[in-house]
Amino acid sequence: MAGTIEAKLKELGIELPQPAVPVANYVPYVITGSLCVVSGQVPLQGGKVAVTGKLGVDVSIEQGQEAARICFVNLLAQLKAAVGDLDRVQRVVRLGGFIAAPPEFTQQHIVMNGASDLAVAVFGDKGRHARTTIGVPSLPTDAAVEVEGIFEIA
């Protein structure tokens, strides 16, 4: 049924933003075969990064999870721009998460659940995915989190 994912987003109270324009030498997505690879998205809201800083220093785990959730919403905005209709998504194949934190921070996987949980809430079982989550010393624009994704499309 067309519009199923859009209806789910509405039910979850999510309105997709205008996709962010790349600020460096890359494209927001690449479609190859039945895969759409979406470049990493930071927690951009209303034209500014909503959550900045380092996890475990000036950003709580809960704030980090919200940042990851916002990143996934931005992934969906790019994905919709790429494929036109989110009902074309057959599967969330993989998410990659980058968490800005000091070396002693070890809860990256909990932070990344903000994105993963939303993927499952939006796509159901098709949202269950492989994942890599790593800690990094810093991210562009001092973002606390960045998330990239690979999606199978019809």
Protein backbone atom coordinates (compact mmCIF):
# COMPACT_ATOMS: atom_id res chain seq x y z
CA MET A 1 0.00 0.00 0.00
CA ALA A 2 1.53 3.33 -1.10
CA GLY A 3 2.15 5.82 1.67
CA THR A 4 2.56 3.21 4.42
CA ILE A 5 5.90 4.54 5.65
CA GLU A 6 4.74 8.17 5.38
CA ALA A 7 1.69 7.25 7.48
CA LYS A 8 3.93 5.56 10.04
CA LEU A 9 6.11 8.67 10.25
CA LYS A 10 3.03 10.82 10.79
CA GLU A 11 1.83 8.43 13.50
CA LEU A 12 5.22 8.79 15.21
CA GLY A 13 4.99 12.58 14.97
CA ILE A 14 7.90 12.82 12.54
CA GLU A 15 7.98 15.34 9.73
CA LEU A 16 10.91 14.88 7.39
CA PRO A 17 13.04 18.00 6.97
CA GLN A 18 14.41 19.35 3.74
CA PRO A 19 17.49 17.19 3.00
CA ALA A 20 20.75 18.88 3.97
CA VAL A 21 23.01 20.03 1.16
CA PRO A 22 26.55 18.61 1.32
CA VAL A 23 29.08 21.07 2.74
CA ALA A 24 32.14 19.34 1.27
CA ASN A 25 33.15 17.28 -1.78
CA TYR A 26 30.66 14.39 -1.61
CA VAL A 27 27.12 13.54 -2.69
CA PRO A 28 24.28 12.92 -0.22
CA TYR A 29 23.54 9.45 -1.59
CA VAL A 30 24.53 6.93 -4.23
CA ILE A 31 22.23 4.35 -5.77
CA THR A 32 23.94 1.25 -7.12
CA GLY A 33 21.88 -1.76 -8.15
CA SER A 34 19.25 -2.28 -5.47
CA LEU A 35 21.17 -0.40 -2.78
CA CYS A 36 20.95 3.22 -1.73
CA VAL A 37 23.94 4.34 0.33
CA VAL A 38 23.25 7.53 2.27
CA SER A 39 26.15 9.68 3.44
CA GLY A 40 26.58 10.33 7.14
CA GLN A 41 24.06 12.71 8.66
CA VAL A 42 24.57 14.81 11.77
CA PRO A 43 21.75 15.84 14.13
CA LEU A 44 20.78 18.88 12.07
CA GLN A 45 17.50 20.54 13.05
CA GLY A 46 16.26 23.88 11.84
CA GLY A 47 19.52 24.60 10.06
CA LYS A 48 21.80 24.02 13.05
CA VAL A 49 23.38 21.07 14.79
CA ALA A 50 21.03 20.25 17.66
CA VAL A 51 23.46 18.24 19.81
CA THR A 52 27.13 19.18 19.97
CA GLY A 53 29.99 18.09 22.18
CA LYS A 54 31.28 14.81 23.54
CA LEU A 55 29.33 11.94 25.04
CA GLY A 56 30.24 11.37 28.64
CA VAL A 57 31.63 14.90 28.98
CA ASP A 58 28.99 17.49 28.08
CA VAL A 59 26.39 15.25 26.40
CA SER A 60 24.34 12.64 28.30
CA ILE A 61 23.51 9.21 26.92
CA GLU A 62 19.87 10.30 26.57
CA GLN A 63 20.90 13.41 24.60
CA GLY A 64 23.14 11.21 22.47
CA GLN A 65 20.26 8.83 21.75
CA GLU A 66 18.12 11.78 20.68
CA ALA A 67 20.96 12.99 18.46
CA ALA A 68 21.15 9.52 16.83
CA ARG A 69 17.37 9.60 16.34
CA ILE A 70 17.61 13.01 14.62
CA CYS A 71 20.42 11.65 12.43
CA PHE A 72 18.16 8.78 11.33
CA VAL A 73 15.35 11.22 10.50
CA ASN A 74 17.86 13.11 8.34
CA LEU A 75 18.89 9.82 6.69
CA LEU A 76 15.22 9.27 5.84
CA ALA A 77 14.99 12.75 4.31
CA GLN A 78 17.97 11.97 2.06
CA LEU A 79 16.57 8.53 1.26
CA LYS A 80 13.22 10.01 0.23
CA ALA A 81 15.03 12.51 -2.00
CA ALA A 82 16.91 9.60 -3.57
CA VAL A 83 14.04 7.18 -4.18
CA GLY A 84 10.94 9.37 -4.09
CA ASP A 85 8.77 6.95 -2.11
CA LEU A 86 9.92 5.42 1.17
CA ASP A 87 7.67 2.43 0.50
CA ARG A 88 10.35 1.37 -2.00
CA VAL A 89 12.60 0.49 0.95
CA GLN A 90 12.81 -3.28 1.20
CA ARG A 91 15.25 -3.36 4.10
CA VAL A 92 17.49 -1.24 6.26
CA VAL A 93 20.67 -3.19 5.52
CA ARG A 94 23.23 -1.44 7.71
CA LEU A 95 23.65 1.62 9.89
CA GLY A 96 27.02 3.03 10.84
CA GLY A 97 27.27 5.25 13.88
CA PHE A 98 30.05 7.58 14.93
CA ILE A 99 29.92 8.84 18.50
CA ALA A 100 32.13 11.75 19.58
CA ALA A 101 33.53 10.82 22.98
CA PRO A 102 36.71 10.54 25.02
CA PRO A 103 38.60 7.21 24.95
CA GLU A 104 37.16 6.03 28.28
CA PHE A 105 33.53 6.30 27.06
CA THR A 106 32.22 2.80 26.28
CA GLN A 107 28.47 3.26 25.80
CA GLN A 108 28.50 4.03 22.07
CA HIS A 109 26.20 1.09 21.37
CA ILE A 110 23.56 2.45 23.77
CA VAL A 111 23.71 5.89 22.12
CA MET A 112 23.31 4.36 18.65
CA ASN A 113 20.12 2.62 19.76
CA GLY A 114 18.43 5.99 19.22
CA ALA A 115 18.80 5.46 15.46
CA SER A 116 18.31 1.68 15.49
CA ASP A 117 15.15 1.82 17.57
CA LEU A 118 13.65 4.39 15.21
CA ALA A 119 14.56 2.28 12.16
CA VAL A 120 12.56 -0.61 13.61
CA ALA A 121 9.69 1.68 14.70
CA VAL A 122 9.40 3.05 11.15
CA PHE A 123 10.03 -0.07 9.05
CA GLY A 124 9.10 -2.92 11.40
CA ASP A 125 11.07 -6.10 10.76
CA LYS A 126 12.47 -4.55 7.55
CA GLY A 127 14.15 -2.03 9.84
CA ARG A 128 16.28 -4.64 11.63
CA HIS A 129 19.81 -4.13 10.38
CA ALA A 130 23.48 -4.88 10.70
CA ARG A 131 25.37 -2.15 12.51
CA THR A 132 28.75 -0.75 13.37
CA THR A 133 29.19 1.84 16.10
CA ILE A 134 32.50 3.45 16.93
CA GLY A 135 33.76 6.21 19.15
CA VAL A 136 35.68 9.04 17.53
CA PRO A 137 37.56 12.01 19.00
CA SER A 138 35.54 14.58 17.02
CA LEU A 139 33.00 15.00 14.24
CA PRO A 140 32.32 17.78 11.72
CA THR A 141 30.66 20.89 13.21
CA ASP A 142 31.27 19.46 16.71
CA ALA A 143 28.29 17.13 16.23
CA ALA A 144 27.94 14.58 19.01
CA VAL A 145 26.75 11.83 16.63
CA GLU A 146 26.81 11.01 12.92
CA VAL A 147 24.90 8.15 11.30
CA GLU A 148 25.21 6.68 7.78
CA GLY A 149 23.00 4.05 6.18
CA ILE A 150 22.63 1.44 3.47
CA PHE A 151 19.12 0.60 2.30
CA GLU A 152 17.82 -2.03 -0.10
CA ILE A 153 15.28 -0.56 -2.49
CA ALA A 154 12.82 -1.93 -5.02
